[in-house]
Amino acid sequence: MQIGNVYFIAAIAVIGGGLFGFDIASMSAIIATDQYLCYFNQGNDPKNCSGPTADVQGGITAAMPGGSWLGALASGFMSDKLGRKRSIQVGSVIWCIGSIVICAAQNIPMLIVGRIINGFSVGICSAQVPVYISELAPPSKRGRLVGAQQWAITWGIMILFYVSYGTSKINGTAAFRIPWGVQMVPAIILLIGLFFLPESPRWLARKDRWEECHAVLTLVHGKGDPNSPFVSKEFGEIKDMCEFERRNADVTYLELFKPNMINRTHIGIFTQVWSQLTGMNVMMYYITYVFKMAGLNGNNLLVSSSIQYVINVGMTVPALLFVDRWGRRPTLLIGAFLMATWLYVNAGLLGARGVYQPNGIDGIKAASTKVTGSTSKAVIACSYLFVASYAPTWGPVSWIYPPELYPLRVRGKAVALATSANWAFNFALGYFVPPAFVNIQWRTYIVFAVFCTVMFFHVFFMFPETAGKTLEEVEEIFTDPHGPPHVGTPAWKTRNTRKEILDVERHGSLVNDEKMRDYDIDEKHVERTSSGEN
């Protein structure tokens, strides 16, 4: 028996995103504990455990996103071959294998290998969960449901952080082996839960499994009524698109770089790249370093670090409730502006009031600048405000947006490519930040603040609004014959059409034809743009 409730489907599927959260906390909550520092100590003084060197710790942290980059790229082929659902299940099995290796790690190389395996799993799941949900979700709820992946990530971070905080009281290696082993539990739930969920109707259609496609649409969108107007309309749109795409050869990654696709390819990739260059995941991995610079130690350090994870979970909720009302563009623009503000303030505080520590704080060289008093409190407050700005904006929208940009024939590979860019930059930043805190100290904040400033303008001029549109309808934005060649409708002229699409879902017809585009795709124009003409 398959379950057709879209909220239940999303709740199970986004556990794949939660695996990423578990991985973040498995490092951030543990790298400052004495048990970890002493077991993996590379310092000369065995009595004063300084843990791995800054470069090696960067390598340990970066091993996971390095594996994720490979996993994301491989997921495109896997998803097209096995289906969205089966690919995610394969990822959950790989996660369990990696967690076993990490839990049993006897040395740094074994730990790195385990994190690479875990990363391969996260790459698969993080690329294909948004595709799976976006292809099942109704347009008016798509942002909310795909954005739940980010919420799952925040829950994963918070849950494992508190598990790690609890086990930090244990003497010996069990302090970090227990949380590393607990990571397997959500993957097992994901593996089993997916057996009760339907496959993507659009993937089934592409495989000419039309009866199954219609059955899934009836189950998920028609509430069991095969004659539902919205089911008939969406089934017709999928069929029209598939009939056109059948006249085109099966795609490779190279098609994403043809003139008619390069614009949306660049948008999808930069959505994920900018998400990393906000510096948010760096804050998650190395927040204990930042708060150590702010004068926190021991229990206070871990508790204060955990507060940002609670903020991350809580502030993601508004996006889940309202992102389809707000739209994608305003959400991204506001997020970039606010994050840049807090990063510039933190850089100013550390640069003006901070005292350089050439040997680091408590033997950790990455904690290179010390602040005290009111400045310390301001740095902590800005760090919390930064998280509160990211959580309802770039956090969920960076997962919602890429699957909405592409036509069916390339969606699996396109989202895989975009997600691989996320992991490539995650890898680079995970490795770069500890040495950056050592070498350029507080100026690291300026680097990320400048990125946030640039992304604001990039979004304004190049990222179109996709909220309130069917996936097939988004195609019309990029193939608009009245816009610039290979760009389509200028981004700042696009708008959220949620109100109109709600009426379509309820009644199968438009409220106001003057306010909506014609839902039928102009196949002749699509053929011209597909061949690179305009």
Protein backbone atom coordinates (compact mmCIF):
# COMPACT_ATOMS: atom_id res chain seq x y z
CA MET A 1 0.00 0.00 0.00
CA GLN A 2 1.33 3.42 -0.98
CA ILE A 3 0.65 6.63 0.93
CA GLY A 4 -0.43 9.67 -1.09
CA ASN A 5 -0.44 12.46 1.51
CA VAL A 6 2.14 14.96 0.22
CA TYR A 7 3.12 16.06 3.73
CA PHE A 8 3.83 12.47 4.79
CA ILE A 9 5.78 11.88 1.56
CA ALA A 10 7.89 14.96 2.25
CA ALA A 11 8.36 14.07 5.92
CA ILE A 12 9.93 10.73 4.98
CA ALA A 13 11.90 11.92 1.96
CA VAL A 14 13.53 14.92 3.67
CA ILE A 15 15.20 12.60 6.18
CA GLY A 16 17.73 12.35 3.35
CA GLY A 17 18.50 16.02 4.00
CA GLY A 18 18.63 15.34 7.71
CA LEU A 19 21.66 13.11 7.09
CA PHE A 20 23.60 16.22 6.06
CA GLY A 21 22.59 17.88 9.32
CA PHE A 22 23.72 14.89 11.34
CA ASP A 23 27.08 15.03 9.61
CA ILE A 24 27.57 18.75 10.35
CA ALA A 25 26.87 18.25 14.05
CA SER A 26 29.03 15.12 14.17
CA MET A 27 31.97 17.47 13.59
CA SER A 28 30.93 20.82 15.11
CA ALA A 29 29.85 19.35 18.45
CA ILE A 30 32.87 17.10 18.81
CA ILE A 31 35.96 18.90 17.48
CA ALA A 32 36.32 20.99 20.65
CA THR A 33 35.94 18.09 23.15
CA ASP A 34 38.96 16.74 25.03
CA GLN A 35 38.13 13.15 24.04
CA TYR A 36 38.34 13.94 20.33
CA LEU A 37 41.34 16.27 20.66
CA CYS A 38 43.33 13.71 22.64
CA TYR A 39 42.45 10.63 20.56
CA PHE A 40 43.33 12.36 17.27
CA ASN A 41 46.06 14.55 18.77
CA GLN A 42 48.88 15.61 16.45
CA GLY A 43 50.53 18.00 18.90
CA ASN A 44 53.92 17.46 20.51
CA ASP A 45 52.64 17.66 24.08
CA PRO A 46 50.53 14.58 24.96
CA LYS A 47 49.38 16.27 28.20
CA ASN A 48 48.00 19.30 26.35
CA CYS A 49 45.86 17.81 23.59
CA SER A 50 45.51 20.22 20.69
CA GLY A 51 43.94 17.68 18.34
CA PRO A 52 44.60 17.60 14.58
CA THR A 53 46.45 20.54 13.06
CA ALA A 54 44.35 23.25 11.39
CA ASP A 55 45.14 21.87 7.92
CA VAL A 56 44.34 18.29 8.89
CA GLN A 57 41.11 19.27 10.66
CA GLY A 58 40.15 21.15 7.52
CA GLY A 59 40.82 17.96 5.55
CA ILE A 60 38.73 15.84 7.94
CA THR A 61 35.83 18.28 7.69
CA ALA A 62 36.18 18.65 3.92
CA ALA A 63 36.22 14.88 3.32
CA MET A 64 32.43 14.70 3.59
CA PRO A 65 31.63 17.44 1.03
CA GLY A 66 34.35 16.00 -1.20
CA GLY A 67 32.50 12.69 -1.24
CA SER A 68 29.21 14.55 -1.66
CA TRP A 69 30.48 16.19 -4.83
CA LEU A 70 31.08 12.76 -6.36
CA GLY A 71 27.76 11.45 -5.04
CA ALA A 72 25.79 14.38 -6.46
CA LEU A 73 27.28 13.91 -9.93
CA ALA A 74 26.68 10.15 -9.86
CA SER A 75 23.10 10.67 -8.68
CA GLY A 76 22.08 12.18 -12.01
CA PHE A 77 22.79 8.94 -13.86
CA MET A 78 21.46 6.82 -11.01
CA SER A 79 18.22 8.79 -10.76
CA ASP A 80 17.51 8.57 -14.50
CA LYS A 81 18.18 4.84 -14.46
CA LEU A 82 16.69 3.62 -11.16
CA GLY A 83 14.17 6.35 -10.41
CA ARG A 84 14.15 9.10 -7.81
CA LYS A 85 12.92 6.90 -4.95
CA ARG A 86 15.33 4.00 -5.48
CA SER A 87 18.29 6.37 -5.77
CA ILE A 88 17.51 7.85 -2.36
CA GLN A 89 17.26 4.34 -0.90
CA VAL A 90 20.69 3.48 -2.31
CA GLY A 91 22.00 6.62 -0.63
CA SER A 92 20.59 5.55 2.74
CA VAL A 93 22.36 2.17 2.52
CA ILE A 94 25.68 3.86 1.67
CA TRP A 95 25.21 6.18 4.67
CA CYS A 96 24.95 3.21 7.02
CA ILE A 97 28.19 1.76 5.63
CA GLY A 98 30.01 5.07 6.07
CA SER A 99 28.70 5.51 9.62
CA ILE A 100 30.03 2.08 10.58
CA VAL A 101 33.49 3.00 9.29
CA ILE A 102 33.45 6.37 11.12
CA CYS A 103 32.20 4.83 14.35
CA ALA A 104 35.03 2.28 14.25
CA ALA A 105 37.73 4.81 13.21
CA GLN A 106 41.10 3.99 14.76
CA ASN A 107 43.01 6.88 13.20
CA ILE A 108 42.61 9.99 11.08
CA PRO A 109 42.87 8.24 7.66
CA MET A 110 40.09 5.81 8.62
CA LEU A 111 37.96 8.71 9.82
CA ILE A 112 38.48 10.52 6.51
CA VAL A 113 37.55 7.42 4.47
CA GLY A 114 34.34 7.00 6.48
CA ARG A 115 33.42 10.64 5.96
CA ILE A 116 34.02 10.36 2.21
CA ILE A 117 31.62 7.38 2.08
CA ASN A 118 29.05 9.29 4.13
CA GLY A 119 29.55 12.25 1.82
CA PHE A 120 28.81 10.13 -1.24
CA SER A 121 25.48 9.23 0.36
CA VAL A 122 24.66 12.84 1.23
CA GLY A 123 25.48 13.88 -2.33
CA ILE A 124 22.93 11.42 -3.72
CA CYS A 125 20.20 12.31 -1.25
CA SER A 126 20.69 16.07 -1.29
CA ALA A 127 20.48 16.13 -5.11
CA GLN A 128 17.54 13.78 -5.61
CA VAL A 129 15.26 14.48 -2.61
CA PRO A 130 14.38 17.97 -3.94
CA VAL A 131 13.78 16.52 -7.42
CA TYR A 132 11.59 13.75 -6.01
CA ILE A 133 9.45 16.10 -3.91
CA SER A 134 9.19 18.83 -6.57
CA GLU A 135 7.92 16.28 -9.11
CA LEU A 136 5.25 15.05 -6.69
CA ALA A 137 4.18 18.29 -5.00
CA PRO A 138 1.34 20.54 -6.21
CA PRO A 139 2.66 23.97 -7.36
CA SER A 140 1.05 25.93 -4.51
CA LYS A 141 2.81 23.79 -1.89
CA ARG A 142 6.04 22.94 -3.73
CA GLY A 143 8.20 25.53 -1.98
CA ARG A 144 6.97 24.50 1.45
CA LEU A 145 7.50 20.80 0.82
CA VAL A 146 10.91 21.01 -0.87
CA GLY A 147 12.02 23.57 1.72
CA ALA A 148 11.29 20.98 4.39
CA GLN A 149 14.64 19.44 3.36
CA GLN A 150 16.40 22.44 4.90
CA TRP A 151 14.27 22.09 8.02
CA ALA A 152 15.30 18.44 8.25
CA ILE A 153 18.94 19.52 7.96
CA THR A 154 18.48 21.94 10.87
CA TRP A 155 16.78 19.24 12.97
CA GLY A 156 19.59 16.81 12.17
CA ILE A 157 22.18 19.34 13.29
CA MET A 158 20.36 20.13 16.53
CA ILE A 159 19.50 16.54 17.48
CA LEU A 160 23.00 15.17 16.99
CA PHE A 161 24.56 18.21 18.64
CA TYR A 162 22.61 17.52 21.83
CA VAL A 163 23.35 13.78 21.59
CA SER A 164 27.04 14.71 21.30
CA TYR A 165 26.71 17.19 24.16
CA GLY A 166 25.28 14.44 26.35
CA THR A 167 27.95 11.91 25.44
CA SER A 168 30.71 14.51 25.97
CA LYS A 169 30.37 13.71 29.69
CA ILE A 170 31.58 10.16 28.99
CA ASN A 171 35.27 9.49 29.46
CA GLY A 172 36.98 7.77 26.55
CA THR A 173 36.26 7.33 22.88
CA ALA A 174 32.60 6.44 23.46
CA ALA A 175 32.05 10.21 23.78
CA PHE A 176 32.31 10.55 19.99
CA ARG A 177 31.70 6.96 18.82
CA ILE A 178 28.12 6.88 20.18
CA PRO A 179 26.91 9.92 18.20
CA TRP A 180 28.75 8.69 15.11
CA GLY A 181 26.90 5.39 15.44
CA VAL A 182 23.51 6.99 16.16
CA GLN A 183 23.75 8.60 12.70
CA MET A 184 22.59 5.31 11.18
CA VAL A 185 19.11 5.47 12.74
CA PRO A 186 17.56 8.11 10.40
CA ALA A 187 19.03 6.37 7.34
CA ILE A 188 17.33 3.12 8.34
CA ILE A 189 14.01 4.97 8.82
CA LEU A 190 14.44 6.57 5.39
CA LEU A 191 15.19 3.24 3.70
CA ILE A 192 12.13 1.53 5.16
CA GLY A 193 9.78 4.51 4.86
CA LEU A 194 10.40 4.95 1.12
CA PHE A 195 8.92 1.49 0.43
CA PHE A 196 5.52 2.99 1.30
CA LEU A 197 5.84 6.05 -0.95
CA PRO A 198 5.05 6.37 -4.69
CA GLU A 199 7.63 6.97 -7.41
CA SER A 200 7.82 10.35 -9.16
CA PRO A 201 4.98 10.53 -11.73
CA ARG A 202 7.19 12.49 -14.13
CA TRP A 203 9.93 9.85 -14.01
CA LEU A 204 7.30 7.14 -14.61
CA ALA A 205 5.97 9.11 -17.58
CA ARG A 206 9.43 9.39 -19.06
CA LYS A 207 9.70 5.59 -18.86
CA ASP A 208 6.32 5.23 -20.65
CA ARG A 209 4.67 3.84 -17.52
CA TRP A 210 1.58 5.97 -18.10
CA GLU A 211 -0.90 3.97 -16.04
CA GLU A 212 1.38 4.17 -13.01
CA CYS A 213 1.93 7.87 -13.65
CA HIS A 214 -1.80 8.55 -13.71
CA ALA A 215 -2.32 6.38 -10.62
CA VAL A 216 0.28 8.38 -8.67
CA LEU A 217 -1.25 11.71 -9.72
CA THR A 218 -4.68 10.38 -8.69
CA LEU A 219 -3.32 9.21 -5.34
CA VAL A 220 -1.36 12.36 -4.51
CA HIS A 221 -3.30 15.19 -6.20
CA GLY A 222 -6.75 13.75 -6.88
CA LYS A 223 -7.32 12.23 -3.43
CA GLY A 224 -8.35 9.01 -5.15
CA ASP A 225 -10.48 10.63 -7.86
CA PRO A 226 -9.07 9.74 -11.31
CA ASN A 227 -11.40 12.29 -12.92
CA SER A 228 -10.14 15.22 -10.85
CA PRO A 229 -9.78 18.31 -13.13
CA PHE A 230 -6.33 19.10 -11.76
CA VAL A 231 -5.13 15.51 -12.27
CA SER A 232 -6.37 15.60 -15.88
CA LYS A 233 -4.71 18.96 -16.49
CA GLU A 234 -1.35 17.97 -15.00
CA PHE A 235 -1.40 14.55 -16.70
CA GLY A 236 -2.00 16.31 -20.01
CA GLU A 237 0.87 18.74 -19.45
CA ILE A 238 3.26 15.94 -18.53
CA LYS A 239 2.17 13.96 -21.59
CA ASP A 240 2.66 16.94 -23.93
CA MET A 241 6.11 17.60 -22.53
CA CYS A 242 7.14 13.94 -22.75
CA GLU A 243 5.92 13.65 -26.33
CA PHE A 244 8.09 16.62 -27.28
CA GLU A 245 11.08 15.31 -25.33
CA ARG A 246 10.75 11.89 -26.92
CA ARG A 247 11.72 13.51 -30.21
CA ASN A 248 15.03 14.46 -28.61
CA ALA A 249 17.83 12.05 -27.86
CA ASP A 250 18.54 11.16 -24.24
CA VAL A 251 20.56 13.97 -22.72
CA THR A 252 24.04 14.15 -21.29
CA TYR A 253 25.57 16.77 -19.02
CA LEU A 254 26.85 18.53 -22.16
CA GLU A 255 23.31 19.59 -23.09
CA LEU A 256 23.22 21.76 -19.97
CA PHE A 257 25.90 23.97 -21.53
CA LYS A 258 24.21 24.52 -24.88
CA PRO A 259 23.10 28.11 -25.60
CA ASN A 260 19.43 27.44 -24.87
CA MET A 261 20.22 25.89 -21.45
CA ILE A 262 23.31 27.75 -20.23
CA ASN A 263 21.38 30.56 -18.53
CA ARG A 264 19.29 28.33 -16.28
CA THR A 265 22.29 26.04 -15.73
CA HIS A 266 24.25 29.00 -14.41
CA ILE A 267 21.31 30.09 -12.22
CA GLY A 268 20.94 26.61 -10.69
CA ILE A 269 24.67 26.26 -10.05
CA PHE A 270 25.00 29.73 -8.53
CA THR A 271 21.98 29.19 -6.29
CA GLN A 272 23.94 26.40 -4.64
CA VAL A 273 27.32 28.13 -4.84
CA TRP A 274 26.02 31.34 -3.25
CA SER A 275 24.34 29.27 -0.53
CA GLN A 276 27.79 28.05 0.46
CA LEU A 277 29.50 31.41 0.02
CA THR A 278 27.16 32.99 2.56
CA GLY A 279 29.45 31.24 5.05
CA MET A 280 26.57 29.54 6.86
CA ASN A 281 27.88 25.98 6.79
CA VAL A 282 31.25 27.30 7.87
CA MET A 283 29.51 28.84 10.87
CA MET A 284 27.93 25.46 11.56
CA TYR A 285 31.16 23.48 11.30
CA TYR A 286 33.39 25.91 13.19
CA ILE A 287 31.06 27.83 15.49
CA THR A 288 32.96 26.53 18.51
CA TYR A 289 36.08 28.29 17.18
CA VAL A 290 34.16 31.56 16.80
CA PHE A 291 32.69 31.40 20.29
CA LYS A 292 36.04 30.42 21.75
CA MET A 293 37.36 33.69 20.30
CA ALA A 294 34.46 35.38 22.09
CA GLY A 295 35.77 34.05 25.40
CA LEU A 296 33.50 31.03 25.94
CA ASN A 297 34.90 27.77 27.27
CA GLY A 298 33.83 24.31 28.37
CA ASN A 299 30.14 23.84 29.09
CA ASN A 300 29.30 27.46 28.24
CA LEU A 301 30.93 27.03 24.83
CA LEU A 302 28.81 24.00 23.90
CA VAL A 303 25.56 25.40 25.29
CA SER A 304 26.03 28.76 23.55
CA SER A 305 26.89 26.97 20.30
CA SER A 306 23.73 24.88 20.58
CA ILE A 307 21.55 28.00 20.77
CA GLN A 308 22.31 28.79 17.14
CA TYR A 309 21.07 25.34 16.17
CA VAL A 310 17.78 26.00 17.97
CA ILE A 311 17.52 29.34 16.15
CA ASN A 312 18.24 27.56 12.88
CA VAL A 313 15.37 25.11 13.44
CA GLY A 314 12.89 27.74 14.63
CA MET A 315 13.63 30.35 11.97
CA THR A 316 13.26 27.85 9.12
CA VAL A 317 9.56 27.43 10.01
CA PRO A 318 8.44 30.85 8.62
CA ALA A 319 9.91 29.92 5.25
CA LEU A 320 8.02 26.63 5.17
CA LEU A 321 4.77 28.46 5.94
CA PHE A 322 5.18 31.51 3.72
CA VAL A 323 7.85 30.95 1.02
CA ASP A 324 5.17 30.17 -1.58
CA ARG A 325 3.44 33.44 -0.67
CA TRP A 326 6.64 35.49 -0.51
CA GLY A 327 8.15 34.10 -3.69
CA ARG A 328 11.74 33.05 -4.31
CA ARG A 329 13.27 36.38 -5.41
CA PRO A 330 12.27 38.59 -2.44
CA THR A 331 13.31 35.85 0.00
CA LEU A 332 16.80 35.53 -1.52
CA LEU A 333 17.32 39.30 -1.79
CA ILE A 334 16.34 40.01 1.82
CA GLY A 335 18.51 37.13 3.07
CA ALA A 336 21.60 38.33 1.18
CA PHE A 337 21.21 41.89 2.48
CA LEU A 338 20.78 40.88 6.13
CA MET A 339 23.62 38.33 6.13
CA ALA A 340 26.02 40.84 4.58
CA THR A 341 25.09 43.32 7.33
CA TRP A 342 25.90 40.95 10.22
CA LEU A 343 29.13 39.74 8.60
CA TYR A 344 30.40 43.29 8.08
CA VAL A 345 29.54 44.13 11.70
CA ASN A 346 31.35 41.06 13.03
CA ALA A 347 34.42 41.85 10.92
CA GLY A 348 34.43 45.41 12.27
CA LEU A 349 34.11 44.26 15.88
CA LEU A 350 36.88 41.65 15.64
CA GLY A 351 39.14 43.98 13.62
CA ALA A 352 38.71 47.03 15.86
CA ARG A 353 38.43 45.46 19.31
CA GLY A 354 40.00 42.02 18.89
CA VAL A 355 43.44 41.05 20.17
CA TYR A 356 45.50 38.77 17.90
CA GLN A 357 46.55 35.48 19.52
CA PRO A 358 49.62 34.18 17.60
CA ASN A 359 49.43 30.76 19.26
CA GLY A 360 45.64 30.57 19.26
CA ILE A 361 43.38 30.09 22.25
CA ASP A 362 43.75 26.92 24.33
CA GLY A 363 46.13 25.53 21.72
CA ILE A 364 43.63 25.92 18.82
CA LYS A 365 45.38 28.21 16.33
CA ALA A 366 42.22 28.76 14.28
CA ALA A 367 40.85 30.68 17.28
CA SER A 368 43.22 33.52 16.42
CA THR A 369 41.49 36.65 17.72
CA LYS A 370 40.20 37.26 21.23
CA VAL A 371 37.45 39.69 22.25
CA THR A 372 36.00 40.32 25.69
CA GLY A 373 33.25 42.25 27.45
CA SER A 374 30.51 43.92 25.43
CA THR A 375 32.37 43.25 22.17
CA SER A 376 32.27 39.53 22.90
CA LYS A 377 28.51 39.70 23.45
CA ALA A 378 28.05 41.66 20.23
CA VAL A 379 30.00 39.05 18.22
CA ILE A 380 27.82 36.27 19.67
CA ALA A 381 24.64 38.29 18.98
CA CYS A 382 25.63 38.96 15.36
CA SER A 383 26.42 35.28 14.89
CA TYR A 384 22.91 34.41 16.08
CA LEU A 385 21.36 37.11 13.87
CA PHE A 386 23.30 35.78 10.89
CA VAL A 387 21.82 32.31 11.44
CA ALA A 388 18.35 33.82 11.93
CA SER A 389 18.75 35.61 8.57
CA TYR A 390 19.94 32.54 6.66
CA ALA A 391 17.43 30.04 8.05
CA PRO A 392 14.23 31.44 6.45
CA THR A 393 15.89 32.62 3.23
CA TRP A 394 18.85 31.00 1.48
CA GLY A 395 18.65 27.85 3.59
CA PRO A 396 15.38 26.43 2.22
CA VAL A 397 15.24 28.34 -1.09
CA SER A 398 18.61 27.00 -2.25
CA TRP A 399 16.99 23.54 -2.28
CA ILE A 400 13.57 24.68 -3.57
CA TYR A 401 14.77 26.72 -6.53
CA PRO A 402 17.06 24.52 -8.72
CA PRO A 403 14.54 21.69 -9.40
CA GLU A 404 12.03 24.29 -10.60
CA LEU A 405 14.29 25.65 -13.34
CA TYR A 406 14.70 22.73 -15.71
CA PRO A 407 12.58 20.72 -18.17
CA LEU A 408 11.92 17.07 -17.34
CA ARG A 409 14.42 15.57 -19.76
CA VAL A 410 17.39 17.22 -18.00
CA ARG A 411 16.05 17.79 -14.48
CA GLY A 412 17.78 14.86 -12.77
CA LYS A 413 21.20 15.63 -14.21
CA ALA A 414 20.80 19.42 -13.95
CA VAL A 415 19.95 19.36 -10.25
CA ALA A 416 22.75 16.84 -9.69
CA LEU A 417 25.20 19.24 -11.35
CA ALA A 418 23.94 22.20 -9.32
CA THR A 419 24.16 20.22 -6.10
CA SER A 420 27.65 19.02 -6.97
CA ALA A 421 28.66 22.69 -7.14
CA ASN A 422 27.29 23.09 -3.60
CA TRP A 423 29.49 20.26 -2.39
CA ALA A 424 32.56 21.41 -4.31
CA PHE A 425 32.41 24.78 -2.55
CA ASN A 426 31.48 23.12 0.75
CA PHE A 427 34.65 21.04 0.40
CA ALA A 428 36.78 24.09 -0.46
CA LEU A 429 35.39 26.20 2.38
CA GLY A 430 35.57 23.39 4.92
CA TYR A 431 39.26 23.08 4.14
CA PHE A 432 39.89 26.83 3.71
CA VAL A 433 38.34 28.30 6.86
CA PRO A 434 40.62 26.95 9.66
CA PRO A 435 43.79 28.16 7.86
CA ALA A 436 41.95 31.41 6.99
CA PHE A 437 41.23 32.11 10.66
CA VAL A 438 44.94 31.47 11.31
CA ASN A 439 46.30 33.60 8.45
CA ILE A 440 43.84 36.43 7.75
CA GLN A 441 41.95 36.26 11.07
CA TRP A 442 38.88 38.53 11.23
CA ARG A 443 39.18 39.42 7.54
CA THR A 444 37.60 36.02 6.84
CA TYR A 445 34.28 37.66 7.70
CA ILE A 446 34.85 40.39 5.10
CA VAL A 447 35.40 37.76 2.41
CA PHE A 448 31.97 36.24 3.06
CA ALA A 449 30.31 39.65 3.46
CA VAL A 450 31.52 40.66 -0.01
CA PHE A 451 30.11 37.41 -1.42
CA CYS A 452 26.71 38.23 0.12
CA THR A 453 26.82 41.70 -1.43
CA VAL A 454 27.58 40.34 -4.90
CA MET A 455 24.88 37.66 -4.67
CA PHE A 456 22.25 40.33 -3.91
CA PHE A 457 22.81 42.00 -7.28
CA HIS A 458 23.18 38.69 -9.11
CA VAL A 459 19.78 37.53 -7.84
CA PHE A 460 18.09 40.82 -8.71
CA PHE A 461 19.22 40.83 -12.35
CA MET A 462 19.31 37.12 -13.23
CA PHE A 463 17.06 34.97 -10.98
CA PRO A 464 13.41 34.81 -12.22
CA GLU A 465 10.41 34.16 -9.99
CA THR A 466 9.18 30.54 -10.14
CA ALA A 467 6.69 30.50 -7.26
CA GLY A 468 3.08 29.67 -8.14
CA LYS A 469 3.90 27.99 -11.46
CA THR A 470 3.79 24.38 -12.63
CA LEU A 471 7.18 22.92 -13.56
CA GLU A 472 6.07 22.86 -17.18
CA GLU A 473 4.99 26.50 -16.98
CA VAL A 474 8.41 27.64 -15.69
CA GLU A 475 9.71 26.52 -19.09
CA GLU A 476 7.79 29.41 -20.65
CA ILE A 477 9.87 31.96 -18.71
CA PHE A 478 13.11 30.77 -20.30
CA THR A 479 11.63 30.27 -23.79
CA ASP A 480 9.80 33.61 -23.98
CA PRO A 481 10.35 34.85 -27.56
CA HIS A 482 9.90 38.47 -26.45
CA GLY A 483 12.86 38.39 -24.06
CA PRO A 484 16.64 38.38 -24.69
CA PRO A 485 17.85 35.30 -26.65
CA HIS A 486 18.49 32.26 -24.42
CA VAL A 487 17.36 34.25 -21.36
CA GLY A 488 13.62 34.67 -21.88
CA THR A 489 11.58 36.94 -19.64
CA PRO A 490 13.91 39.33 -17.71
CA ALA A 491 14.13 38.22 -14.08
CA TRP A 492 12.84 41.48 -12.59
CA LYS A 493 9.68 41.27 -14.72
CA THR A 494 8.61 37.85 -13.44
CA ARG A 495 6.09 37.54 -10.62
CA ASN A 496 4.53 35.11 -8.16
CA THR A 497 1.26 33.64 -9.55
CA ARG A 498 0.27 31.64 -6.48
CA LYS A 499 -3.28 32.99 -6.27
CA GLU A 500 -4.07 31.91 -9.81
CA ILE A 501 -2.52 28.47 -9.45
CA LEU A 502 -4.53 27.84 -6.27
CA ASP A 503 -7.72 28.23 -8.29
CA VAL A 504 -6.38 25.84 -10.94
CA GLU A 505 -5.65 23.20 -8.28
CA ARG A 506 -9.12 23.58 -6.78
CA HIS A 507 -11.25 23.92 -9.90
CA GLY A 508 -9.10 22.94 -12.86
CA SER A 509 -9.57 26.34 -14.52
CA LEU A 510 -8.14 29.85 -14.33
CA VAL A 511 -9.71 32.66 -12.37
CA ASN A 512 -8.51 35.37 -14.65
CA ASP A 513 -7.15 34.53 -18.08
CA GLU A 514 -5.74 38.04 -18.46
CA LYS A 515 -3.47 37.53 -15.44
CA MET A 516 -2.11 34.15 -16.55
CA ARG A 517 -0.16 32.85 -19.47
CA ASP A 518 -1.71 30.21 -21.65
CA TYR A 519 -0.92 26.85 -20.03
CA ASP A 520 -0.28 25.12 -23.37
CA ILE A 521 3.38 25.13 -24.37
CA ASP A 522 4.17 26.49 -27.80
CA GLU A 523 5.93 23.39 -29.10
CA LYS A 524 7.30 25.05 -32.19
CA HIS A 525 9.02 27.68 -30.09
CA VAL A 526 10.32 25.07 -27.64
CA GLU A 527 11.73 23.07 -30.56
CA ARG A 528 13.55 26.16 -31.85
CA THR A 529 15.04 26.98 -28.45
CA SER A 530 15.96 23.33 -27.85
CA SER A 531 18.01 23.37 -31.04
CA GLY A 532 19.74 26.58 -29.97
CA GLU A 533 17.73 28.94 -32.19
CA ASN A 534 15.56 31.88 -31.19
